[in-house]
Amino acid sequence: MSLTFGALATDVVNHGSAASLDNQNSCTVFAWVYPTSVTVENAIWSKSNVLFSTERFFQISSTGNLHAELGRATSYGIGISTGLALGANIWHAVAMTFDGGTSAPKLYHGSFTKSLAEVSYVTSDIGSGAIHDDSAESMRVGNYHSAGLNVFTGRIATVLFFNRTLNLGELRTLQFAPRKLAGAVLFSHYGFNGTGNQI
């Protein structure tokens, strides 16, 4: 089961802004995704406002690489993979972690035939300054914002959000058996539970 995004610019699953989702500066996002186009920026997960003055996101870039950013006051924490070139019309297991701003965002990729592994980076920057307060923003899957910025083109099956940084071993245990581990504050199998506001 999965949800298809991209038919409308405003396609999104809005998980709201419960306290358990806010300002989780050490966190992990894990997802199974099936992009049908990798020539556009495909937003997987976001907690950003429409002006990007508050920004946390995880996406597939228009070059088929993974890209995550953590908004900070002086310069953003950024992780962008290189040489990944995720294929269209293929299921990908993807993950990103923030560790509270003590290192750059980390990115992971796997598939049905490849175990999750950390990627190589073209950009890996810790950033500097206070981490943005995201408590006013909703957590969204499949789009940056309801304004229709970088809607995911394709299907998303499973998304898990943790309030801590998972290590590679933990991520690999989720790859083929997604489930709630310690720190899971969002666990959604799309296609089963609709497209409304769900926390």
N, C-alpha and C. Protein backbone atom coordinates (compact mmCIF):
# COMPACT_ATOMS: atom_id res chain seq x y z
N MET A 1 0.85 -1.19 0.00
CA MET A 1 0.00 0.00 0.00
C MET A 1 0.89 1.24 0.00
N SER A 2 0.40 2.27 -0.67
CA SER A 2 1.14 3.53 -0.73
C SER A 2 0.18 4.63 -1.16
N LEU A 3 0.64 5.87 -1.06
CA LEU A 3 -0.11 7.00 -1.58
C LEU A 3 0.63 7.58 -2.77
N THR A 4 -0.12 8.01 -3.78
CA THR A 4 0.47 8.65 -4.94
C THR A 4 0.38 10.16 -4.77
N PHE A 5 1.49 10.83 -4.98
CA PHE A 5 1.58 12.28 -4.89
C PHE A 5 1.92 12.84 -6.27
N GLY A 6 1.62 14.10 -6.47
CA GLY A 6 2.03 14.79 -7.68
C GLY A 6 0.93 15.04 -8.68
N ALA A 7 -0.25 14.45 -8.48
CA ALA A 7 -1.36 14.75 -9.38
C ALA A 7 -1.79 16.21 -9.23
N LEU A 8 -1.68 16.73 -8.01
CA LEU A 8 -1.95 18.14 -7.72
C LEU A 8 -0.73 18.74 -7.05
N ALA A 9 -0.48 20.01 -7.30
CA ALA A 9 0.66 20.69 -6.67
C ALA A 9 0.53 20.73 -5.16
N THR A 10 -0.70 20.62 -4.67
CA THR A 10 -0.93 20.71 -3.23
C THR A 10 -1.04 19.35 -2.55
N ASP A 11 -0.71 18.26 -3.25
CA ASP A 11 -0.73 16.94 -2.61
C ASP A 11 0.21 16.93 -1.41
N VAL A 12 -0.31 16.52 -0.28
CA VAL A 12 0.50 16.52 0.95
C VAL A 12 -0.23 15.70 2.00
N VAL A 13 0.51 15.07 2.90
CA VAL A 13 -0.06 14.54 4.13
C VAL A 13 0.46 15.44 5.25
N ASN A 14 -0.45 16.09 5.94
CA ASN A 14 -0.11 17.05 6.99
C ASN A 14 -0.30 16.36 8.34
N HIS A 15 0.80 16.18 9.06
CA HIS A 15 0.75 15.52 10.36
C HIS A 15 0.65 16.50 11.51
N GLY A 16 0.45 17.77 11.21
CA GLY A 16 0.24 18.75 12.25
C GLY A 16 1.52 19.13 12.97
N SER A 17 1.34 19.77 14.14
CA SER A 17 2.49 20.27 14.89
C SER A 17 2.31 19.96 16.37
N ALA A 18 2.16 18.69 16.68
CA ALA A 18 2.09 18.28 18.09
C ALA A 18 3.44 18.53 18.75
N ALA A 19 3.44 18.69 20.06
CA ALA A 19 4.68 18.94 20.78
C ALA A 19 5.71 17.85 20.54
N SER A 20 5.25 16.62 20.34
CA SER A 20 6.19 15.50 20.12
C SER A 20 6.90 15.60 18.77
N LEU A 21 6.40 16.46 17.86
CA LEU A 21 7.00 16.63 16.54
C LEU A 21 7.83 17.90 16.44
N ASP A 22 7.75 18.76 17.43
CA ASP A 22 8.36 20.08 17.38
C ASP A 22 9.80 20.08 17.90
N ASN A 23 10.65 20.84 17.22
CA ASN A 23 12.02 21.12 17.68
C ASN A 23 12.79 19.87 18.08
N GLN A 24 12.62 18.83 17.29
CA GLN A 24 13.38 17.59 17.54
C GLN A 24 14.71 17.72 16.80
N ASN A 25 15.66 18.38 17.45
CA ASN A 25 16.92 18.70 16.80
C ASN A 25 17.80 17.48 16.58
N SER A 26 17.61 16.45 17.39
CA SER A 26 18.20 15.14 17.13
C SER A 26 17.05 14.25 16.66
N CYS A 27 17.10 13.82 15.42
CA CYS A 27 15.95 13.09 14.89
C CYS A 27 16.38 12.22 13.72
N THR A 28 15.46 11.34 13.31
CA THR A 28 15.66 10.45 12.17
C THR A 28 14.37 10.37 11.37
N VAL A 29 14.49 10.39 10.06
CA VAL A 29 13.37 10.12 9.15
C VAL A 29 13.75 8.91 8.31
N PHE A 30 12.86 7.92 8.26
CA PHE A 30 13.05 6.74 7.41
C PHE A 30 11.83 6.62 6.51
N ALA A 31 12.03 6.27 5.23
CA ALA A 31 10.89 6.16 4.31
C ALA A 31 11.19 5.18 3.19
N TRP A 32 10.12 4.57 2.67
CA TRP A 32 10.16 3.85 1.40
C TRP A 32 9.47 4.73 0.38
N VAL A 33 10.17 5.04 -0.73
CA VAL A 33 9.64 5.96 -1.73
C VAL A 33 9.83 5.38 -3.13
N TYR A 34 8.96 5.80 -4.04
CA TYR A 34 8.95 5.32 -5.42
C TYR A 34 8.77 6.52 -6.34
N PRO A 35 9.86 7.24 -6.65
CA PRO A 35 9.71 8.41 -7.52
C PRO A 35 9.43 7.98 -8.96
N THR A 36 8.51 8.68 -9.61
CA THR A 36 8.25 8.41 -11.02
C THR A 36 8.97 9.42 -11.91
N SER A 37 9.58 10.43 -11.29
CA SER A 37 10.43 11.37 -12.00
C SER A 37 11.54 11.79 -11.06
N VAL A 38 12.77 11.81 -11.55
CA VAL A 38 13.89 12.28 -10.73
C VAL A 38 14.55 13.48 -11.41
N THR A 39 13.81 14.18 -12.25
CA THR A 39 14.31 15.41 -12.87
C THR A 39 13.73 16.65 -12.20
N VAL A 40 12.99 16.44 -11.12
CA VAL A 40 12.44 17.53 -10.32
C VAL A 40 12.84 17.29 -8.87
N GLU A 41 12.72 18.31 -8.05
CA GLU A 41 12.98 18.14 -6.62
C GLU A 41 11.75 17.52 -5.97
N ASN A 42 11.93 16.37 -5.34
CA ASN A 42 10.85 15.60 -4.75
C ASN A 42 10.93 15.67 -3.23
N ALA A 43 10.03 16.42 -2.62
CA ALA A 43 10.02 16.56 -1.17
C ALA A 43 9.48 15.29 -0.53
N ILE A 44 10.27 14.68 0.34
CA ILE A 44 9.82 13.51 1.10
C ILE A 44 9.22 13.95 2.41
N TRP A 45 9.96 14.79 3.16
CA TRP A 45 9.56 15.19 4.53
C TRP A 45 9.98 16.63 4.74
N SER A 46 9.14 17.38 5.44
CA SER A 46 9.46 18.79 5.67
C SER A 46 8.81 19.29 6.95
N LYS A 47 9.51 20.21 7.57
CA LYS A 47 8.94 21.02 8.65
C LYS A 47 9.45 22.44 8.43
N SER A 48 8.91 23.06 7.39
CA SER A 48 9.39 24.35 6.92
C SER A 48 8.21 25.27 6.66
N ASN A 49 8.47 26.59 6.74
CA ASN A 49 7.40 27.51 6.37
C ASN A 49 7.54 27.89 4.90
N VAL A 50 6.54 28.58 4.38
CA VAL A 50 6.48 28.84 2.94
C VAL A 50 7.61 29.76 2.50
N LEU A 51 8.16 30.56 3.42
CA LEU A 51 9.25 31.48 3.07
C LEU A 51 10.62 30.85 3.29
N PHE A 52 10.66 29.65 3.86
CA PHE A 52 11.90 28.95 4.19
C PHE A 52 12.77 29.72 5.19
N SER A 53 12.15 30.61 5.97
CA SER A 53 12.90 31.23 7.06
C SER A 53 12.99 30.27 8.24
N THR A 54 12.13 29.28 8.27
CA THR A 54 12.29 28.11 9.13
C THR A 54 12.36 26.91 8.20
N GLU A 55 13.42 26.11 8.33
CA GLU A 55 13.61 25.09 7.31
C GLU A 55 14.22 23.82 7.89
N ARG A 56 13.52 22.72 7.68
CA ARG A 56 14.04 21.38 7.87
C ARG A 56 13.40 20.54 6.77
N PHE A 57 14.21 19.89 5.96
CA PHE A 57 13.60 19.08 4.91
C PHE A 57 14.51 17.94 4.50
N PHE A 58 13.88 16.97 3.82
CA PHE A 58 14.54 15.79 3.27
C PHE A 58 13.89 15.54 1.92
N GLN A 59 14.71 15.48 0.85
CA GLN A 59 14.16 15.37 -0.49
C GLN A 59 15.09 14.57 -1.38
N ILE A 60 14.56 14.22 -2.57
CA ILE A 60 15.37 13.76 -3.68
C ILE A 60 15.57 14.96 -4.59
N SER A 61 16.82 15.29 -4.87
CA SER A 61 17.10 16.46 -5.70
C SER A 61 16.81 16.17 -7.17
N SER A 62 16.89 17.21 -7.99
CA SER A 62 16.61 17.06 -9.43
C SER A 62 17.72 16.30 -10.16
N THR A 63 18.81 15.95 -9.44
CA THR A 63 19.86 15.11 -10.02
C THR A 63 19.76 13.67 -9.50
N GLY A 64 18.69 13.37 -8.74
CA GLY A 64 18.51 12.03 -8.22
C GLY A 64 19.33 11.73 -6.97
N ASN A 65 19.85 12.77 -6.34
CA ASN A 65 20.60 12.60 -5.10
C ASN A 65 19.73 12.97 -3.90
N LEU A 66 20.11 12.46 -2.73
CA LEU A 66 19.41 12.81 -1.51
C LEU A 66 19.94 14.13 -0.98
N HIS A 67 19.06 14.90 -0.33
CA HIS A 67 19.40 16.25 0.12
C HIS A 67 18.60 16.53 1.39
N ALA A 68 19.31 16.91 2.47
CA ALA A 68 18.66 17.28 3.73
C ALA A 68 19.24 18.59 4.22
N GLU A 69 18.40 19.41 4.83
CA GLU A 69 18.87 20.67 5.41
C GLU A 69 18.23 20.90 6.77
N LEU A 70 19.03 21.51 7.65
CA LEU A 70 18.61 21.90 9.00
C LEU A 70 18.86 23.39 9.13
N GLY A 71 17.78 24.17 9.26
CA GLY A 71 17.91 25.61 9.34
C GLY A 71 18.58 26.07 10.61
N ARG A 72 19.59 26.92 10.47
CA ARG A 72 20.31 27.50 11.60
C ARG A 72 20.49 28.99 11.35
N ALA A 73 20.77 29.75 12.41
CA ALA A 73 20.75 31.21 12.33
C ALA A 73 21.82 31.77 11.40
N THR A 74 23.03 31.22 11.43
CA THR A 74 24.13 31.77 10.65
C THR A 74 24.31 31.06 9.32
N SER A 75 24.44 29.75 9.33
CA SER A 75 24.52 28.97 8.10
C SER A 75 23.87 27.62 8.35
N TYR A 76 23.23 27.08 7.32
CA TYR A 76 22.44 25.86 7.46
C TYR A 76 23.30 24.61 7.50
N GLY A 77 22.84 23.60 8.26
CA GLY A 77 23.41 22.27 8.16
C GLY A 77 22.89 21.62 6.90
N ILE A 78 23.79 21.11 6.07
CA ILE A 78 23.39 20.58 4.76
C ILE A 78 24.10 19.26 4.49
N GLY A 79 23.35 18.30 3.97
CA GLY A 79 23.92 17.07 3.45
C GLY A 79 23.35 16.80 2.08
N ILE A 80 24.20 16.65 1.07
CA ILE A 80 23.77 16.33 -0.28
C ILE A 80 24.64 15.19 -0.78
N SER A 81 24.01 14.11 -1.23
CA SER A 81 24.77 12.96 -1.71
C SER A 81 25.33 13.24 -3.10
N THR A 82 26.28 12.42 -3.50
CA THR A 82 26.85 12.52 -4.84
C THR A 82 26.92 11.14 -5.46
N GLY A 83 26.71 11.10 -6.78
CA GLY A 83 26.84 9.84 -7.51
C GLY A 83 25.75 8.83 -7.22
N LEU A 84 24.66 9.24 -6.57
CA LEU A 84 23.63 8.28 -6.19
C LEU A 84 22.67 8.01 -7.35
N ALA A 85 22.20 9.08 -7.96
CA ALA A 85 21.33 8.99 -9.15
C ALA A 85 20.21 7.97 -8.95
N LEU A 86 19.35 8.21 -7.95
CA LEU A 86 18.23 7.32 -7.71
C LEU A 86 17.41 7.17 -8.99
N GLY A 87 17.08 5.95 -9.32
CA GLY A 87 16.30 5.70 -10.52
C GLY A 87 14.82 5.95 -10.32
N ALA A 88 14.15 6.30 -11.40
CA ALA A 88 12.70 6.44 -11.39
C ALA A 88 12.06 5.07 -11.50
N ASN A 89 10.83 4.97 -10.98
CA ASN A 89 10.02 3.75 -11.05
C ASN A 89 10.70 2.57 -10.36
N ILE A 90 11.37 2.86 -9.26
CA ILE A 90 12.03 1.87 -8.42
C ILE A 90 11.77 2.25 -6.98
N TRP A 91 11.52 1.24 -6.12
CA TRP A 91 11.38 1.51 -4.70
C TRP A 91 12.74 1.72 -4.06
N HIS A 92 12.84 2.79 -3.25
CA HIS A 92 14.08 3.12 -2.55
C HIS A 92 13.79 3.24 -1.05
N ALA A 93 14.64 2.65 -0.24
CA ALA A 93 14.64 2.90 1.20
C ALA A 93 15.60 4.05 1.46
N VAL A 94 15.12 5.09 2.10
CA VAL A 94 15.95 6.28 2.34
C VAL A 94 15.81 6.70 3.80
N ALA A 95 16.86 7.33 4.30
CA ALA A 95 16.83 7.82 5.68
C ALA A 95 17.75 9.02 5.81
N MET A 96 17.45 9.87 6.75
CA MET A 96 18.33 10.98 7.11
C MET A 96 18.30 11.16 8.61
N THR A 97 19.42 11.65 9.16
CA THR A 97 19.50 11.92 10.59
C THR A 97 20.09 13.30 10.83
N PHE A 98 19.55 13.97 11.84
CA PHE A 98 20.15 15.16 12.43
C PHE A 98 20.58 14.76 13.84
N ASP A 99 21.71 15.27 14.29
CA ASP A 99 22.17 14.91 15.64
C ASP A 99 22.28 16.10 16.58
N GLY A 100 21.38 17.07 16.38
CA GLY A 100 21.38 18.22 17.28
C GLY A 100 22.38 19.28 16.90
N GLY A 101 22.88 19.22 15.67
CA GLY A 101 23.79 20.25 15.20
C GLY A 101 25.24 20.02 15.55
N THR A 102 25.59 18.82 16.00
CA THR A 102 26.99 18.55 16.33
C THR A 102 27.76 17.99 15.14
N SER A 103 27.06 17.62 14.06
CA SER A 103 27.70 17.23 12.81
C SER A 103 26.70 17.49 11.68
N ALA A 104 27.18 17.35 10.44
CA ALA A 104 26.32 17.57 9.28
C ALA A 104 25.24 16.49 9.22
N PRO A 105 24.10 16.79 8.57
CA PRO A 105 23.08 15.75 8.37
C PRO A 105 23.68 14.53 7.68
N LYS A 106 23.22 13.34 8.06
CA LYS A 106 23.67 12.10 7.43
C LYS A 106 22.54 11.52 6.60
N LEU A 107 22.91 10.90 5.48
CA LEU A 107 21.94 10.37 4.53
C LEU A 107 22.25 8.90 4.24
N TYR A 108 21.17 8.11 4.03
CA TYR A 108 21.32 6.68 3.81
C TYR A 108 20.40 6.25 2.67
N HIS A 109 20.86 5.24 1.92
CA HIS A 109 20.07 4.73 0.81
C HIS A 109 20.17 3.21 0.74
N GLY A 110 19.04 2.57 0.38
CA GLY A 110 19.01 1.14 0.14
C GLY A 110 17.90 0.84 -0.85
N SER A 111 17.70 -0.44 -1.12
CA SER A 111 16.65 -0.85 -2.06
C SER A 111 16.18 -2.25 -1.66
N PHE A 112 15.37 -2.86 -2.51
CA PHE A 112 14.96 -4.23 -2.24
C PHE A 112 16.13 -5.20 -2.26
N THR A 113 17.19 -4.84 -2.98
CA THR A 113 18.33 -5.75 -3.14
C THR A 113 19.61 -5.23 -2.50
N LYS A 114 19.57 -4.06 -1.88
CA LYS A 114 20.77 -3.46 -1.30
C LYS A 114 20.46 -2.97 0.10
N SER A 115 21.28 -3.37 1.07
CA SER A 115 21.10 -2.91 2.44
C SER A 115 21.37 -1.42 2.54
N LEU A 116 20.65 -0.76 3.43
CA LEU A 116 20.91 0.65 3.69
C LEU A 116 22.37 0.88 3.99
N ALA A 117 22.92 1.94 3.43
CA ALA A 117 24.31 2.33 3.68
C ALA A 117 24.40 3.84 3.60
N GLU A 118 25.35 4.41 4.33
CA GLU A 118 25.55 5.86 4.24
C GLU A 118 26.09 6.19 2.86
N VAL A 119 25.66 7.32 2.32
CA VAL A 119 26.04 7.75 0.99
C VAL A 119 27.39 8.48 1.01
N SER A 120 27.92 8.78 -0.16
CA SER A 120 29.02 9.72 -0.31
C SER A 120 28.42 11.11 -0.51
N TYR A 121 29.18 12.16 -0.15
CA TYR A 121 28.61 13.50 -0.13
C TYR A 121 29.35 14.44 -1.09
N VAL A 122 28.57 15.27 -1.78
CA VAL A 122 29.14 16.40 -2.50
C VAL A 122 29.15 17.62 -1.61
N THR A 123 28.20 17.69 -0.66
CA THR A 123 28.15 18.76 0.33
C THR A 123 27.83 18.15 1.68
N SER A 124 28.62 18.48 2.68
CA SER A 124 28.39 18.02 4.05
C SER A 124 28.85 19.13 4.98
N ASP A 125 27.88 19.86 5.53
CA ASP A 125 28.19 21.07 6.30
C ASP A 125 27.40 21.05 7.60
N ILE A 126 28.08 21.24 8.71
CA ILE A 126 27.43 21.24 10.02
C ILE A 126 26.55 22.47 10.22
N GLY A 127 26.90 23.59 9.57
CA GLY A 127 26.20 24.84 9.79
C GLY A 127 26.59 25.46 11.11
N SER A 128 26.02 26.63 11.40
CA SER A 128 26.35 27.31 12.65
C SER A 128 25.21 28.20 13.10
N GLY A 129 25.24 28.55 14.36
CA GLY A 129 24.20 29.39 14.94
C GLY A 129 23.07 28.57 15.52
N ALA A 130 22.15 29.26 16.19
CA ALA A 130 21.02 28.60 16.83
C ALA A 130 20.17 27.89 15.79
N ILE A 131 19.69 26.70 16.15
CA ILE A 131 18.80 25.96 15.26
C ILE A 131 17.42 26.61 15.27
N HIS A 132 16.84 26.75 14.09
CA HIS A 132 15.53 27.39 13.98
C HIS A 132 14.47 26.70 14.84
N ASP A 133 13.60 27.49 15.40
CA ASP A 133 12.43 26.98 16.13
C ASP A 133 11.36 26.63 15.09
N ASP A 134 10.97 25.35 15.04
CA ASP A 134 9.99 24.93 14.03
C ASP A 134 8.61 24.65 14.62
N SER A 135 8.38 25.09 15.85
CA SER A 135 7.13 24.71 16.55
C SER A 135 5.88 25.29 15.90
N ALA A 136 6.03 26.32 15.08
CA ALA A 136 4.86 26.90 14.41
C ALA A 136 4.53 26.20 13.11
N GLU A 137 5.38 25.26 12.69
CA GLU A 137 5.20 24.62 11.39
C GLU A 137 4.69 23.19 11.53
N SER A 138 3.86 22.78 10.60
CA SER A 138 3.37 21.40 10.56
C SER A 138 4.41 20.49 9.95
N MET A 139 4.36 19.21 10.34
CA MET A 139 5.20 18.20 9.71
C MET A 139 4.45 17.67 8.50
N ARG A 140 5.09 17.74 7.34
CA ARG A 140 4.44 17.36 6.09
C ARG A 140 5.22 16.26 5.38
N VAL A 141 4.50 15.41 4.70
CA VAL A 141 5.09 14.36 3.88
C VAL A 141 4.59 14.55 2.46
N GLY A 142 5.50 14.49 1.49
CA GLY A 142 5.14 14.59 0.09
C GLY A 142 5.12 15.98 -0.48
N ASN A 143 5.44 16.99 0.34
CA ASN A 143 5.41 18.38 -0.11
C ASN A 143 6.09 19.23 0.95
N TYR A 144 6.69 20.33 0.54
CA TYR A 144 7.26 21.25 1.54
C TYR A 144 6.18 21.97 2.31
N HIS A 145 5.15 22.37 1.60
CA HIS A 145 4.16 23.26 2.19
C HIS A 145 2.88 23.14 1.39
N SER A 146 1.78 23.52 1.97
CA SER A 146 0.50 23.44 1.27
C SER A 146 0.47 24.35 0.04
N ALA A 147 1.44 25.27 -0.07
CA ALA A 147 1.50 26.13 -1.25
C ALA A 147 1.96 25.37 -2.49
N GLY A 148 2.39 24.12 -2.32
CA GLY A 148 2.75 23.29 -3.46
C GLY A 148 4.18 23.45 -3.90
N LEU A 149 5.10 23.48 -2.95
CA LEU A 149 6.52 23.63 -3.27
C LEU A 149 7.19 22.26 -3.29
N ASN A 150 7.65 21.85 -4.46
CA ASN A 150 8.42 20.61 -4.60
C ASN A 150 7.64 19.37 -4.18
N VAL A 151 6.43 19.26 -4.67
CA VAL A 151 5.61 18.09 -4.38
C VAL A 151 6.32 16.84 -4.87
N PHE A 152 6.22 15.76 -4.09
CA PHE A 152 6.82 14.50 -4.49
C PHE A 152 6.08 13.97 -5.70
N THR A 153 6.81 13.48 -6.69
CA THR A 153 6.22 12.90 -7.89
C THR A 153 6.40 11.39 -7.82
N GLY A 154 5.35 10.70 -7.44
CA GLY A 154 5.43 9.26 -7.29
C GLY A 154 4.69 8.80 -6.06
N ARG A 155 5.16 7.70 -5.46
CA ARG A 155 4.46 7.09 -4.33
C ARG A 155 5.35 7.03 -3.09
N ILE A 156 4.71 7.17 -1.96
CA ILE A 156 5.38 7.02 -0.66
C ILE A 156 4.58 6.00 0.12
N ALA A 157 5.29 5.00 0.65
CA ALA A 157 4.60 3.90 1.33
C ALA A 157 4.66 4.02 2.83
N THR A 158 5.83 4.25 3.38
CA THR A 158 6.01 4.24 4.82
C THR A 158 6.91 5.39 5.23
N VAL A 159 6.54 6.08 6.30
CA VAL A 159 7.40 7.11 6.88
C VAL A 159 7.42 6.94 8.39
N LEU A 160 8.62 6.92 8.95
CA LEU A 160 8.80 6.90 10.39
C LEU A 160 9.63 8.11 10.79
N PHE A 161 9.24 8.75 11.89
CA PHE A 161 9.99 9.88 12.43
C PHE A 161 10.33 9.57 13.88
N PHE A 162 11.60 9.71 14.22
CA PHE A 162 12.10 9.41 15.57
C PHE A 162 12.66 10.68 16.20
N ASN A 163 12.50 10.79 17.51
CA ASN A 163 13.02 11.95 18.23
C ASN A 163 14.45 11.72 18.71
N ARG A 164 15.18 10.87 18.00
CA ARG A 164 16.59 10.62 18.31
C ARG A 164 17.29 10.19 17.02
N THR A 165 18.61 10.16 17.09
CA THR A 165 19.41 9.75 15.94
C THR A 165 19.62 8.25 15.97
N LEU A 166 19.08 7.54 14.99
CA LEU A 166 19.30 6.09 14.89
C LEU A 166 20.64 5.82 14.22
N ASN A 167 21.28 4.74 14.65
CA ASN A 167 22.53 4.36 13.99
C ASN A 167 22.22 3.45 12.80
N LEU A 168 23.26 3.13 12.03
CA LEU A 168 23.06 2.35 10.81
C LEU A 168 22.47 0.98 11.11
N GLY A 169 22.90 0.34 12.17
CA GLY A 169 22.36 -0.98 12.53
C GLY A 169 20.87 -0.91 12.78
N GLU A 170 20.42 0.12 13.50
CA GLU A 170 18.99 0.27 13.77
C GLU A 170 18.22 0.54 12.47
N LEU A 171 18.78 1.38 11.61
CA LEU A 171 18.11 1.68 10.35
C LEU A 171 17.95 0.42 9.51
N ARG A 172 18.98 -0.42 9.50
CA ARG A 172 18.89 -1.64 8.71
C ARG A 172 17.83 -2.59 9.24
N THR A 173 17.59 -2.58 10.54
CA THR A 173 16.52 -3.44 11.07
C THR A 173 15.14 -2.96 10.64
N LEU A 174 15.03 -1.67 10.26
CA LEU A 174 13.75 -1.11 9.81
C LEU A 174 13.50 -1.35 8.33
N GLN A 175 14.56 -1.57 7.57
CA GLN A 175 14.45 -1.56 6.12
C GLN A 175 13.37 -2.52 5.61
N PHE A 176 13.37 -3.74 6.08
CA PHE A 176 12.39 -4.73 5.61
C PHE A 176 11.36 -5.10 6.67
N ALA A 177 11.43 -4.43 7.82
CA ALA A 177 10.45 -4.65 8.88
C ALA A 177 10.18 -3.34 9.59
N PRO A 178 9.60 -2.35 8.88
CA PRO A 178 9.33 -1.07 9.53
C PRO A 178 8.44 -1.26 10.75
N ARG A 179 8.83 -0.66 11.86
CA ARG A 179 8.09 -0.81 13.11
C ARG A 179 8.53 0.27 14.08
N LYS A 180 7.81 0.36 15.17
CA LYS A 180 8.14 1.36 16.17
C LYS A 180 9.31 0.87 17.02
N LEU A 181 10.39 1.63 17.01
CA LEU A 181 11.50 1.45 17.92
C LEU A 181 11.44 2.57 18.95
N ALA A 182 12.30 2.52 19.94
CA ALA A 182 12.35 3.59 20.94
C ALA A 182 12.52 4.93 20.26
N GLY A 183 11.72 5.90 20.67
CA GLY A 183 11.80 7.24 20.12
C GLY A 183 10.91 7.50 18.92
N ALA A 184 10.16 6.50 18.46
CA ALA A 184 9.27 6.70 17.31
C ALA A 184 8.07 7.56 17.74
N VAL A 185 7.92 8.71 17.13
CA VAL A 185 6.78 9.58 17.44
C VAL A 185 5.83 9.73 16.25
N LEU A 186 6.20 9.17 15.10
CA LEU A 186 5.31 9.12 13.95
C LEU A 186 5.62 7.84 13.18
N PHE A 187 4.58 7.05 12.91
CA PHE A 187 4.75 5.81 12.15
C PHE A 187 3.52 5.68 11.28
N SER A 188 3.71 5.86 9.96
CA SER A 188 2.56 5.88 9.07
C SER A 188 2.80 5.01 7.85
N HIS A 189 1.83 4.10 7.60
CA HIS A 189 1.78 3.32 6.37
C HIS A 189 0.72 3.98 5.49
N TYR A 190 1.13 4.74 4.51
CA TYR A 190 0.17 5.47 3.69
C TYR A 190 -0.59 4.51 2.79
N GLY A 191 -1.84 4.88 2.55
CA GLY A 191 -2.73 4.02 1.80
C GLY A 191 -3.70 3.31 2.72
N PHE A 192 -3.28 3.10 3.99
CA PHE A 192 -4.16 2.50 4.98
C PHE A 192 -4.94 3.57 5.75
N ASN A 193 -4.27 4.70 6.01
CA ASN A 193 -4.88 5.65 6.95
C ASN A 193 -5.19 7.01 6.35
N GLY A 194 -5.41 7.06 5.03
CA GLY A 194 -5.97 8.26 4.43
C GLY A 194 -4.99 9.39 4.24
N THR A 195 -5.52 10.59 3.97
CA THR A 195 -4.68 11.72 3.61
C THR A 195 -4.99 12.96 4.41
N GLY A 196 -5.74 12.84 5.49
CA GLY A 196 -6.08 14.01 6.27
C GLY A 196 -5.01 14.37 7.28
N ASN A 197 -5.38 15.22 8.24
CA ASN A 197 -4.45 15.59 9.31
C ASN A 197 -4.39 14.44 10.29
N GLN A 198 -3.19 13.87 10.43
CA GLN A 198 -3.02 12.72 11.32
C GLN A 198 -1.79 12.92 12.16
N ILE A 199 -1.92 12.75 13.46
CA ILE A 199 -0.79 12.90 14.38
C ILE A 199 -0.56 11.57 15.05
